[in-house]
Amino acid sequence: MSGLVVLALLGVVWGFIRQSQIMLASRHKTAAPAAASTAAPGAAATVTLAPGTRILSASTDAGKLVLHVQTKDGAEIEIIDLATGRLTSQVKTAP
């Protein structure tokens, strides 16, 4: 009877080890294409700010970069698509 308990315990340990190896292998498979897509040419966004402009805050949400900047003409909010690197919208306020 104790032999069956030992075999069952070894089976459980072997199952945990096997499942952890399967999970690690699947993470490596999904992480590699994501790293390759971020290194694609033209995927990086370049934002050129006018002299004297400063970034007040930056955040990301739903694949968009939201910049709140202060210029000499007033404040503005710029929304950039992270997938394409293009400016999708811009909101300017009066000084």
PDB file of N, CA and C in Angstrom:
ATOM      1  N   MET A   1       0.816  -1.187   0.000  1.00  0.00           N
ATOM      2  CA  MET A   1       0.000   0.000   0.000  1.00  0.00           C
ATOM      3  C   MET A   1       0.867   1.261   0.000  1.00  0.00           C
ATOM      4  N   SER A   2       1.909   1.261   0.795  1.00  0.00           N
ATOM      5  CA  SER A   2       2.787   2.442   0.844  1.00  0.00           C
ATOM      6  C   SER A   2       3.516   2.619  -0.486  1.00  0.00           C
ATOM      7  N   GLY A   3       3.756   1.547  -1.194  1.00  0.00           N
ATOM      8  CA  GLY A   3       4.391   1.631  -2.503  1.00  0.00           C
ATOM      9  C   GLY A   3       3.507   2.381  -3.506  1.00  0.00           C
ATOM     10  N   LEU A   4       2.203   2.161  -3.438  1.00  0.00           N
ATOM     11  CA  LEU A   4       1.278   2.880  -4.307  1.00  0.00           C
ATOM     12  C   LEU A   4       1.239   4.373  -3.975  1.00  0.00           C
ATOM     13  N   VAL A   5       1.318   4.702  -2.710  1.00  0.00           N
ATOM     14  CA  VAL A   5       1.331   6.111  -2.300  1.00  0.00           C
ATOM     15  C   VAL A   5       2.590   6.791  -2.830  1.00  0.00           C
ATOM     16  N   VAL A   6       3.727   6.138  -2.751  1.00  0.00           N
ATOM     17  CA  VAL A   6       4.980   6.690  -3.252  1.00  0.00           C
ATOM     18  C   VAL A   6       4.902   6.867  -4.766  1.00  0.00           C
ATOM     19  N   LEU A   7       4.358   5.882  -5.495  1.00  0.00           N
ATOM     20  CA  LEU A   7       4.210   5.994  -6.939  1.00  0.00           C
ATOM     21  C   LEU A   7       3.267   7.143  -7.320  1.00  0.00           C
ATOM     22  N   ALA A   8       2.190   7.295  -6.564  1.00  0.00           N
ATOM     23  CA  ALA A   8       1.252   8.384  -6.828  1.00  0.00           C
ATOM     24  C   ALA A   8       1.917   9.734  -6.592  1.00  0.00           C
ATOM     25  N   LEU A   9       2.696   9.853  -5.546  1.00  0.00           N
ATOM     26  CA  LEU A   9       3.401  11.092  -5.244  1.00  0.00           C
ATOM     27  C   LEU A   9       4.425  11.412  -6.327  1.00  0.00           C
ATOM     28  N   LEU A  10       5.153  10.405  -6.790  1.00  0.00           N
ATOM     29  CA  LEU A  10       6.113  10.612  -7.875  1.00  0.00           C
ATOM     30  C   LEU A  10       5.403  11.030  -9.164  1.00  0.00           C
ATOM     31  N   GLY A  11       4.240  10.446  -9.416  1.00  0.00           N
ATOM     32  CA  GLY A  11       3.462  10.826 -10.591  1.00  0.00           C
ATOM     33  C   GLY A  11       3.000  12.271 -10.535  1.00  0.00           C
ATOM     34  N   VAL A  12       2.599  12.733  -9.372  1.00  0.00           N
ATOM     35  CA  VAL A  12       2.168  14.117  -9.204  1.00  0.00           C
ATOM     36  C   VAL A  12       3.339  15.068  -9.423  1.00  0.00           C
ATOM     37  N   VAL A  13       4.487  14.755  -8.847  1.00  0.00           N
ATOM     38  CA  VAL A  13       5.680  15.594  -9.016  1.00  0.00           C
ATOM     39  C   VAL A  13       6.084  15.635 -10.487  1.00  0.00           C
ATOM     40  N   TRP A  14       6.076  14.475 -11.140  1.00  0.00           N
ATOM     41  CA  TRP A  14       6.424  14.420 -12.562  1.00  0.00           C
ATOM     42  C   TRP A  14       5.434  15.246 -13.391  1.00  0.00           C
ATOM     43  N   GLY A  15       4.151  15.206 -13.063  1.00  0.00           N
ATOM     44  CA  GLY A  15       3.137  15.982 -13.768  1.00  0.00           C
ATOM     45  C   GLY A  15       3.356  17.479 -13.631  1.00  0.00           C
ATOM     46  N   PHE A  16       3.713  17.934 -12.421  1.00  0.00           N
ATOM     47  CA  PHE A  16       3.992  19.359 -12.219  1.00  0.00           C
ATOM     48  C   PHE A  16       5.198  19.812 -13.036  1.00  0.00           C
ATOM     49  N   ILE A  17       6.231  19.001 -13.022  1.00  0.00           N
ATOM     50  CA  ILE A  17       7.439  19.356 -13.780  1.00  0.00           C
ATOM     51  C   ILE A  17       7.137  19.407 -15.276  1.00  0.00           C
ATOM     52  N   ARG A  18       6.398  18.445 -15.769  1.00  0.00           N
ATOM     53  CA  ARG A  18       6.066  18.403 -17.198  1.00  0.00           C
ATOM     54  C   ARG A  18       5.208  19.595 -17.601  1.00  0.00           C
ATOM     55  N   GLN A  19       4.223  19.946 -16.804  1.00  0.00           N
ATOM     56  CA  GLN A  19       3.360  21.081 -17.122  1.00  0.00           C
ATOM     57  C   GLN A  19       4.139  22.391 -17.079  1.00  0.00           C
ATOM     58  N   SER A  20       5.068  22.537 -16.142  1.00  0.00           N
ATOM     59  CA  SER A  20       5.854  23.770 -16.091  1.00  0.00           C
ATOM     60  C   SER A  20       6.751  23.889 -17.320  1.00  0.00           C
ATOM     61  N   GLN A  21       7.296  22.777 -17.810  1.00  0.00           N
ATOM     62  CA  GLN A  21       8.099  22.824 -19.027  1.00  0.00           C
ATOM     63  C   GLN A  21       7.251  23.179 -20.242  1.00  0.00           C
ATOM     64  N   ILE A  22       6.038  22.670 -20.310  1.00  0.00           N
ATOM     65  CA  ILE A  22       5.141  22.997 -21.418  1.00  0.00           C
ATOM     66  C   ILE A  22       4.779  24.481 -21.381  1.00  0.00           C
ATOM     67  N   MET A  23       4.496  25.013 -20.209  1.00  0.00           N
ATOM     68  CA  MET A  23       4.142  26.428 -20.088  1.00  0.00           C
ATOM     69  C   MET A  23       5.316  27.324 -20.455  1.00  0.00           C
ATOM     70  N   LEU A  24       6.522  26.971 -20.022  1.00  0.00           N
ATOM     71  CA  LEU A  24       7.700  27.771 -20.362  1.00  0.00           C
ATOM     72  C   LEU A  24       7.964  27.745 -21.860  1.00  0.00           C
ATOM     73  N   ALA A  25       7.783  26.604 -22.490  1.00  0.00           N
ATOM     74  CA  ALA A  25       7.998  26.505 -23.930  1.00  0.00           C
ATOM     75  C   ALA A  25       6.978  27.353 -24.691  1.00  0.00           C
ATOM     76  N   SER A  26       5.731  27.368 -24.240  1.00  0.00           N
ATOM     77  CA  SER A  26       4.714  28.170 -24.929  1.00  0.00           C
ATOM     78  C   SER A  26       4.966  29.663 -24.731  1.00  0.00           C
ATOM     79  N   ARG A  27       5.500  30.068 -23.592  1.00  0.00           N
ATOM     80  CA  ARG A  27       5.830  31.483 -23.367  1.00  0.00           C
ATOM     81  C   ARG A  27       6.953  31.924 -24.288  1.00  0.00           C
ATOM     82  N   HIS A  28       7.943  31.074 -24.492  1.00  0.00           N
ATOM     83  CA  HIS A  28       9.054  31.427 -25.372  1.00  0.00           C
ATOM     84  C   HIS A  28       8.593  31.532 -26.819  1.00  0.00           C
ATOM     85  N   LYS A  29       7.653  30.691 -27.222  1.00  0.00           N
ATOM     86  CA  LYS A  29       7.147  30.741 -28.596  1.00  0.00           C
ATOM     87  C   LYS A  29       6.362  32.014 -28.852  1.00  0.00           C
ATOM     88  N   THR A  30       5.577  32.472 -27.879  1.00  0.00           N
ATOM     89  CA  THR A  30       4.779  33.679 -28.068  1.00  0.00           C
ATOM     90  C   THR A  30       5.602  34.939 -27.854  1.00  0.00           C
ATOM     91  N   ALA A  31       6.660  34.887 -27.058  1.00  0.00           N
ATOM     92  CA  ALA A  31       7.472  36.072 -26.804  1.00  0.00           C
ATOM     93  C   ALA A  31       8.390  36.382 -27.974  1.00  0.00           C
ATOM     94  N   ALA A  32       8.857  35.404 -28.709  1.00  0.00           N
ATOM     95  CA  ALA A  32       9.781  35.649 -29.813  1.00  0.00           C
ATOM     96  C   ALA A  32       9.159  36.455 -30.941  1.00  0.00           C
ATOM     97  N   PRO A  33       7.945  36.164 -31.430  1.00  0.00           N
ATOM     98  CA  PRO A  33       7.372  37.005 -32.479  1.00  0.00           C
ATOM     99  C   PRO A  33       7.077  38.422 -32.014  1.00  0.00           C
ATOM    100  N   ALA A  34       6.716  38.593 -30.743  1.00  0.00           N
ATOM    101  CA  ALA A  34       6.452  39.944 -30.254  1.00  0.00           C
ATOM    102  C   ALA A  34       7.721  40.770 -30.253  1.00  0.00           C
ATOM    103  N   ALA A  35       8.848  40.165 -29.879  1.00  0.00           N
ATOM    104  CA  ALA A  35      10.110  40.897 -29.889  1.00  0.00           C
ATOM    105  C   ALA A  35      10.521  41.234 -31.308  1.00  0.00           C
ATOM    106  N   ALA A  36      10.250  40.350 -32.247  1.00  0.00           N
ATOM    107  CA  ALA A  36      10.597  40.609 -33.634  1.00  0.00           C
ATOM    108  C   ALA A  36       9.755  41.735 -34.214  1.00  0.00           C
ATOM    109  N   SER A  37       8.485  41.815 -33.821  1.00  0.00           N
ATOM    110  CA  SER A  37       7.623  42.854 -34.383  1.00  0.00           C
ATOM    111  C   SER A  37       7.986  44.232 -33.847  1.00  0.00           C
ATOM    112  N   THR A  38       8.519  44.320 -32.614  1.00  0.00           N
ATOM    113  CA  THR A  38       8.892  45.624 -32.094  1.00  0.00           C
ATOM    114  C   THR A  38      10.179  46.117 -32.728  1.00  0.00           C
ATOM    115  N   ALA A  39      10.980  45.230 -33.280  1.00  0.00           N
ATOM    116  CA  ALA A  39      12.225  45.630 -33.904  1.00  0.00           C
ATOM    117  C   ALA A  39      12.068  45.925 -35.391  1.00  0.00           C
ATOM    118  N   ALA A  40      10.837  45.835 -35.896  1.00  0.00           N
ATOM    119  CA  ALA A  40      10.605  46.070 -37.315  1.00  0.00           C
ATOM    120  C   ALA A  40      10.888  47.523 -37.668  1.00  0.00           C
ATOM    121  N   PRO A  41      11.500  47.770 -38.840  1.00  0.00           N
ATOM    122  CA  PRO A  41      11.785  49.143 -39.215  1.00  0.00           C
ATOM    123  C   PRO A  41      10.502  49.952 -39.403  1.00  0.00           C
ATOM    124  N   GLY A  42      10.543  51.201 -38.987  1.00  0.00           N
ATOM    125  CA  GLY A  42       9.390  52.070 -39.123  1.00  0.00           C
ATOM    126  C   GLY A  42       8.364  51.927 -38.018  1.00  0.00           C
ATOM    127  N   ALA A  43       8.598  51.039 -37.062  1.00  0.00           N
ATOM    128  CA  ALA A  43       7.621  50.832 -35.997  1.00  0.00           C
ATOM    129  C   ALA A  43       7.806  51.816 -34.855  1.00  0.00           C
ATOM    130  N   ALA A  44       8.961  52.443 -34.767  1.00  0.00           N
ATOM    131  CA  ALA A  44       9.222  53.366 -33.673  1.00  0.00           C
ATOM    132  C   ALA A  44       8.646  54.739 -34.005  1.00  0.00           C
ATOM    133  N   ALA A  45       8.085  55.382 -33.007  1.00  0.00           N
ATOM    134  CA  ALA A  45       7.530  56.718 -33.194  1.00  0.00           C
ATOM    135  C   ALA A  45       8.604  57.758 -32.876  1.00  0.00           C
ATOM    136  N   THR A  46       8.689  58.760 -33.724  1.00  0.00           N
ATOM    137  CA  THR A  46       9.600  59.871 -33.485  1.00  0.00           C
ATOM    138  C   THR A  46       8.771  61.133 -33.362  1.00  0.00           C
ATOM    139  N   VAL A  47       8.850  61.762 -32.221  1.00  0.00           N
ATOM    140  CA  VAL A  47       8.108  62.997 -31.989  1.00  0.00           C
ATOM    141  C   VAL A  47       9.120  64.119 -31.859  1.00  0.00           C
ATOM    142  N   THR A  48       9.028  65.091 -32.755  1.00  0.00           N
ATOM    143  CA  THR A  48       9.923  66.235 -32.714  1.00  0.00           C
ATOM    144  C   THR A  48       9.189  67.388 -32.049  1.00  0.00           C
ATOM    145  N   LEU A  49       9.752  67.873 -30.966  1.00  0.00           N
ATOM    146  CA  LEU A  49       9.144  68.974 -30.228  1.00  0.00           C
ATOM    147  C   LEU A  49       9.852  70.274 -30.566  1.00  0.00           C
ATOM    148  N   ALA A  50       9.091  71.349 -30.564  1.00  0.00           N
ATOM    149  CA  ALA A  50       9.661  72.670 -30.817  1.00  0.00           C
ATOM    150  C   ALA A  50      10.566  73.073 -29.651  1.00  0.00           C
ATOM    151  N   PRO A  51      11.528  73.943 -29.896  1.00  0.00           N
ATOM    152  CA  PRO A  51      12.404  74.398 -28.799  1.00  0.00           C
ATOM    153  C   PRO A  51      11.572  75.056 -27.692  1.00  0.00           C
ATOM    154  N   GLY A  52      11.897  74.731 -26.466  1.00  0.00           N
ATOM    155  CA  GLY A  52      11.187  75.269 -25.316  1.00  0.00           C
ATOM    156  C   GLY A  52       9.956  74.470 -24.919  1.00  0.00           C
ATOM    157  N   THR A  53       9.615  73.452 -25.674  1.00  0.00           N
ATOM    158  CA  THR A  53       8.461  72.609 -25.345  1.00  0.00           C
ATOM    159  C   THR A  53       8.876  71.575 -24.320  1.00  0.00           C
ATOM    160  N   ARG A  54       8.004  71.340 -23.361  1.00  0.00           N
ATOM    161  CA  ARG A  54       8.315  70.318 -22.358  1.00  0.00           C
ATOM    162  C   ARG A  54       7.142  69.374 -22.197  1.00  0.00           C
ATOM    163  N   ILE A  55       7.471  68.146 -21.915  1.00  0.00           N
ATOM    164  CA  ILE A  55       6.459  67.102 -21.715  1.00  0.00           C
ATOM    165  C   ILE A  55       6.011  67.148 -20.261  1.00  0.00           C
ATOM    166  N   LEU A  56       4.721  67.377 -20.055  1.00  0.00           N
ATOM    167  CA  LEU A  56       4.172  67.417 -18.701  1.00  0.00           C
ATOM    168  C   LEU A  56       3.819  66.029 -18.195  1.00  0.00           C
ATOM    169  N   SER A  57       3.272  65.183 -19.093  1.00  0.00           N
ATOM    170  CA  SER A  57       2.961  63.810 -18.705  1.00  0.00           C
ATOM    171  C   SER A  57       2.896  62.945 -19.949  1.00  0.00           C
ATOM    172  N   ALA A  58       3.087  61.667 -19.741  1.00  0.00           N
ATOM    173  CA  ALA A  58       3.005  60.683 -20.816  1.00  0.00           C
ATOM    174  C   ALA A  58       2.367  59.420 -20.247  1.00  0.00           C
ATOM    175  N   SER A  59       1.455  58.829 -21.027  1.00  0.00           N
ATOM    176  CA  SER A  59       0.828  57.587 -20.595  1.00  0.00           C
ATOM    177  C   SER A  59       0.452  56.774 -21.832  1.00  0.00           C
ATOM    178  N   THR A  60       0.200  55.494 -21.614  1.00  0.00           N
ATOM    179  CA  THR A  60      -0.219  54.618 -22.700  1.00  0.00           C
ATOM    180  C   THR A  60      -1.556  53.998 -22.338  1.00  0.00           C
ATOM    181  N   ASP A  61      -2.387  53.818 -23.377  1.00  0.00           N
ATOM    182  CA  ASP A  61      -3.680  53.193 -23.167  1.00  0.00           C
ATOM    183  C   ASP A  61      -4.186  52.686 -24.507  1.00  0.00           C
ATOM    184  N   ALA A  62      -4.555  51.427 -24.569  1.00  0.00           N
ATOM    185  CA  ALA A  62      -5.132  50.802 -25.763  1.00  0.00           C
ATOM    186  C   ALA A  62      -4.250  50.981 -26.991  1.00  0.00           C
ATOM    187  N   GLY A  63      -2.944  50.794 -26.830  1.00  0.00           N
ATOM    188  CA  GLY A  63      -2.033  50.884 -27.969  1.00  0.00           C
ATOM    189  C   GLY A  63      -1.740  52.303 -28.416  1.00  0.00           C
ATOM    190  N   LYS A  64      -2.043  53.279 -27.591  1.00  0.00           N
ATOM    191  CA  LYS A  64      -1.807  54.682 -27.924  1.00  0.00           C
ATOM    192  C   LYS A  64      -0.900  55.314 -26.874  1.00  0.00           C
ATOM    193  N   LEU A  65      -0.033  56.213 -27.333  1.00  0.00           N
ATOM    194  CA  LEU A  65       0.798  57.012 -26.439  1.00  0.00           C
ATOM    195  C   LEU A  65       0.156  58.380 -26.346  1.00  0.00           C
ATOM    196  N   VAL A  66      -0.149  58.824 -25.141  1.00  0.00           N
ATOM    197  CA  VAL A  66      -0.784  60.117 -24.918  1.00  0.00           C
ATOM    198  C   VAL A  66       0.234  61.031 -24.258  1.00  0.00           C
ATOM    199  N   LEU A  67       0.604  62.107 -24.966  1.00  0.00           N
ATOM    200  CA  LEU A  67       1.558  63.088 -24.446  1.00  0.00           C
ATOM    201  C   LEU A  67       0.833  64.381 -24.135  1.00  0.00           C
ATOM    202  N   HIS A  68       1.062  64.925 -22.955  1.00  0.00           N
ATOM    203  CA  HIS A  68       0.559  66.242 -22.582  1.00  0.00           C
ATOM    204  C   HIS A  68       1.776  67.156 -22.546  1.00  0.00           C
ATOM    205  N   VAL A  69       1.835  68.104 -23.480  1.00  0.00           N
ATOM    206  CA  VAL A  69       3.006  68.960 -23.607  1.00  0.00           C
ATOM    207  C   VAL A  69       2.619  70.414 -23.420  1.00  0.00           C
ATOM    208  N   GLN A  70       3.579  71.210 -22.968  1.00  0.00           N
ATOM    209  CA  GLN A  70       3.402  72.648 -22.779  1.00  0.00           C
ATOM    210  C   GLN A  70       4.310  73.362 -23.771  1.00  0.00           C
ATOM    211  N   THR A  71       3.725  74.169 -24.645  1.00  0.00           N
ATOM    212  CA  THR A  71       4.495  74.948 -25.618  1.00  0.00           C
ATOM    213  C   THR A  71       4.395  76.420 -25.261  1.00  0.00           C
ATOM    214  N   LYS A  72       5.107  77.260 -26.007  1.00  0.00           N
ATOM    215  CA  LYS A  72       5.025  78.701 -25.743  1.00  0.00           C
ATOM    216  C   LYS A  72       3.660  79.259 -26.148  1.00  0.00           C
ATOM    217  N   ASP A  73       2.940  78.534 -27.029  1.00  0.00           N
ATOM    218  CA  ASP A  73       1.616  78.962 -27.471  1.00  0.00           C
ATOM    219  C   ASP A  73       0.487  78.395 -26.627  1.00  0.00           C
ATOM    220  N   GLY A  74       0.769  77.517 -25.709  1.00  0.00           N
ATOM    221  CA  GLY A  74      -0.248  76.900 -24.869  1.00  0.00           C
ATOM    222  C   GLY A  74       0.016  75.415 -24.707  1.00  0.00           C
ATOM    223  N   ALA A  75      -0.938  74.731 -24.121  1.00  0.00           N
ATOM    224  CA  ALA A  75      -0.797  73.293 -23.885  1.00  0.00           C
ATOM    225  C   ALA A  75      -1.433  72.526 -25.029  1.00  0.00           C
ATOM    226  N   GLU A  76      -0.949  71.329 -25.250  1.00  0.00           N
ATOM    227  CA  GLU A  76      -1.560  70.457 -26.249  1.00  0.00           C
ATOM    228  C   GLU A  76      -1.413  69.005 -25.824  1.00  0.00           C
ATOM    229  N   ILE A  77      -2.318  68.199 -26.347  1.00  0.00           N
ATOM    230  CA  ILE A  77      -2.298  66.759 -26.100  1.00  0.00           C
ATOM    231  C   ILE A  77      -2.114  66.083 -27.444  1.00  0.00           C
ATOM    232  N   GLU A  78      -1.119  65.219 -27.533  1.00  0.00           N
ATOM    233  CA  GLU A  78      -0.839  64.489 -28.766  1.00  0.00           C
ATOM    234  C   GLU A  78      -1.062  63.003 -28.514  1.00  0.00           C
ATOM    235  N   ILE A  79      -1.778  62.366 -29.424  1.00  0.00           N
ATOM    236  CA  ILE A  79      -2.055  60.938 -29.307  1.00  0.00           C
ATOM    237  C   ILE A  79      -1.383  60.234 -30.476  1.00  0.00           C
ATOM    238  N   ILE A  80      -0.497  59.274 -30.155  1.00  0.00           N
ATOM    239  CA  ILE A  80       0.305  58.578 -31.156  1.00  0.00           C
ATOM    240  C   ILE A  80      -0.030  57.096 -31.103  1.00  0.00           C
ATOM    241  N   ASP A  81      -0.275  56.514 -32.271  1.00  0.00           N
ATOM    242  CA  ASP A  81      -0.539  55.077 -32.379  1.00  0.00           C
ATOM    243  C   ASP A  81       0.790  54.341 -32.244  1.00  0.00           C
ATOM    244  N   LEU A  82       0.904  53.464 -31.254  1.00  0.00           N
ATOM    245  CA  LEU A  82       2.161  52.759 -31.018  1.00  0.00           C
ATOM    246  C   LEU A  82       2.459  51.706 -32.079  1.00  0.00           C
ATOM    247  N   ALA A  83       1.443  51.181 -32.735  1.00  0.00           N
ATOM    248  CA  ALA A  83       1.669  50.160 -33.756  1.00  0.00           C
ATOM    249  C   ALA A  83       2.287  50.756 -35.013  1.00  0.00           C
ATOM    250  N   THR A  84       1.851  51.958 -35.397  1.00  0.00           N
ATOM    251  CA  THR A  84       2.347  52.576 -36.627  1.00  0.00           C
ATOM    252  C   THR A  84       3.338  53.697 -36.368  1.00  0.00           C
ATOM    253  N   GLY A  85       3.318  54.282 -35.178  1.00  0.00           N
ATOM    254  CA  GLY A  85       4.198  55.398 -34.868  1.00  0.00           C
ATOM    255  C   GLY A  85       3.704  56.717 -35.421  1.00  0.00           C
ATOM    256  N   ARG A  86       2.456  56.784 -35.846  1.00  0.00           N
ATOM    257  CA  ARG A  86       1.903  57.993 -36.446  1.00  0.00           C
ATOM    258  C   ARG A  86       1.062  58.775 -35.450  1.00  0.00           C
ATOM    259  N   LEU A  87       1.074  60.081 -35.617  1.00  0.00           N
ATOM    260  CA  LEU A  87       0.248  60.964 -34.813  1.00  0.00           C
ATOM    261  C   LEU A  87      -1.194  60.801 -35.275  1.00  0.00           C
ATOM    262  N   THR A  88      -2.084  60.349 -34.374  1.00  0.00           N
ATOM    263  CA  THR A  88      -3.475  60.122 -34.766  1.00  0.00           C
ATOM    264  C   THR A  88      -4.354  61.321 -34.475  1.00  0.00           C
ATOM    265  N   SER A  89      -4.076  62.047 -33.410  1.00  0.00           N
ATOM    266  CA  SER A  89      -4.854  63.243 -33.127  1.00  0.00           C
ATOM    267  C   SER A  89      -4.056  64.180 -32.238  1.00  0.00           C
ATOM    268  N   GLN A  90      -4.492  65.442 -32.278  1.00  0.00           N
ATOM    269  CA  GLN A  90      -3.802  66.481 -31.542  1.00  0.00           C
ATOM    270  C   GLN A  90      -4.842  67.485 -31.057  1.00  0.00           C
ATOM    271  N   VAL A  91      -4.795  67.833 -29.791  1.00  0.00           N
ATOM    272  CA  VAL A  91      -5.726  68.801 -29.215  1.00  0.00           C
ATOM    273  C   VAL A  91      -4.903  69.948 -28.677  1.00  0.00           C
ATOM    274  N   LYS A  92      -5.174  71.164 -29.160  1.00  0.00           N
ATOM    275  CA  LYS A  92      -4.448  72.348 -28.707  1.00  0.00           C
ATOM    276  C   LYS A  92      -5.391  73.225 -27.904  1.00  0.00           C
ATOM    277  N   THR A  93      -4.822  73.861 -26.887  1.00  0.00           N
ATOM    278  CA  THR A  93      -5.601  74.801 -26.076  1.00  0.00           C
ATOM    279  C   THR A  93      -5.024  76.199 -26.259  1.00  0.00           C
ATOM    280  N   ALA A  94      -5.818  77.182 -25.978  1.00  0.00           N
ATOM    281  CA  ALA A  94      -5.363  78.574 -26.098  1.00  0.00           C
ATOM    282  C   ALA A  94      -4.443  78.898 -24.929  1.00  0.00           C
ATOM    283  N   PRO A  95      -3.507  79.842 -25.106  1.00  0.00           N
ATOM    284  CA  PRO A  95      -2.599  80.197 -24.004  1.00  0.00           C
ATOM    285  C   PRO A  95      -3.295  80.861 -22.849  1.00  0.00           C
TER     286      PRO A  95
END
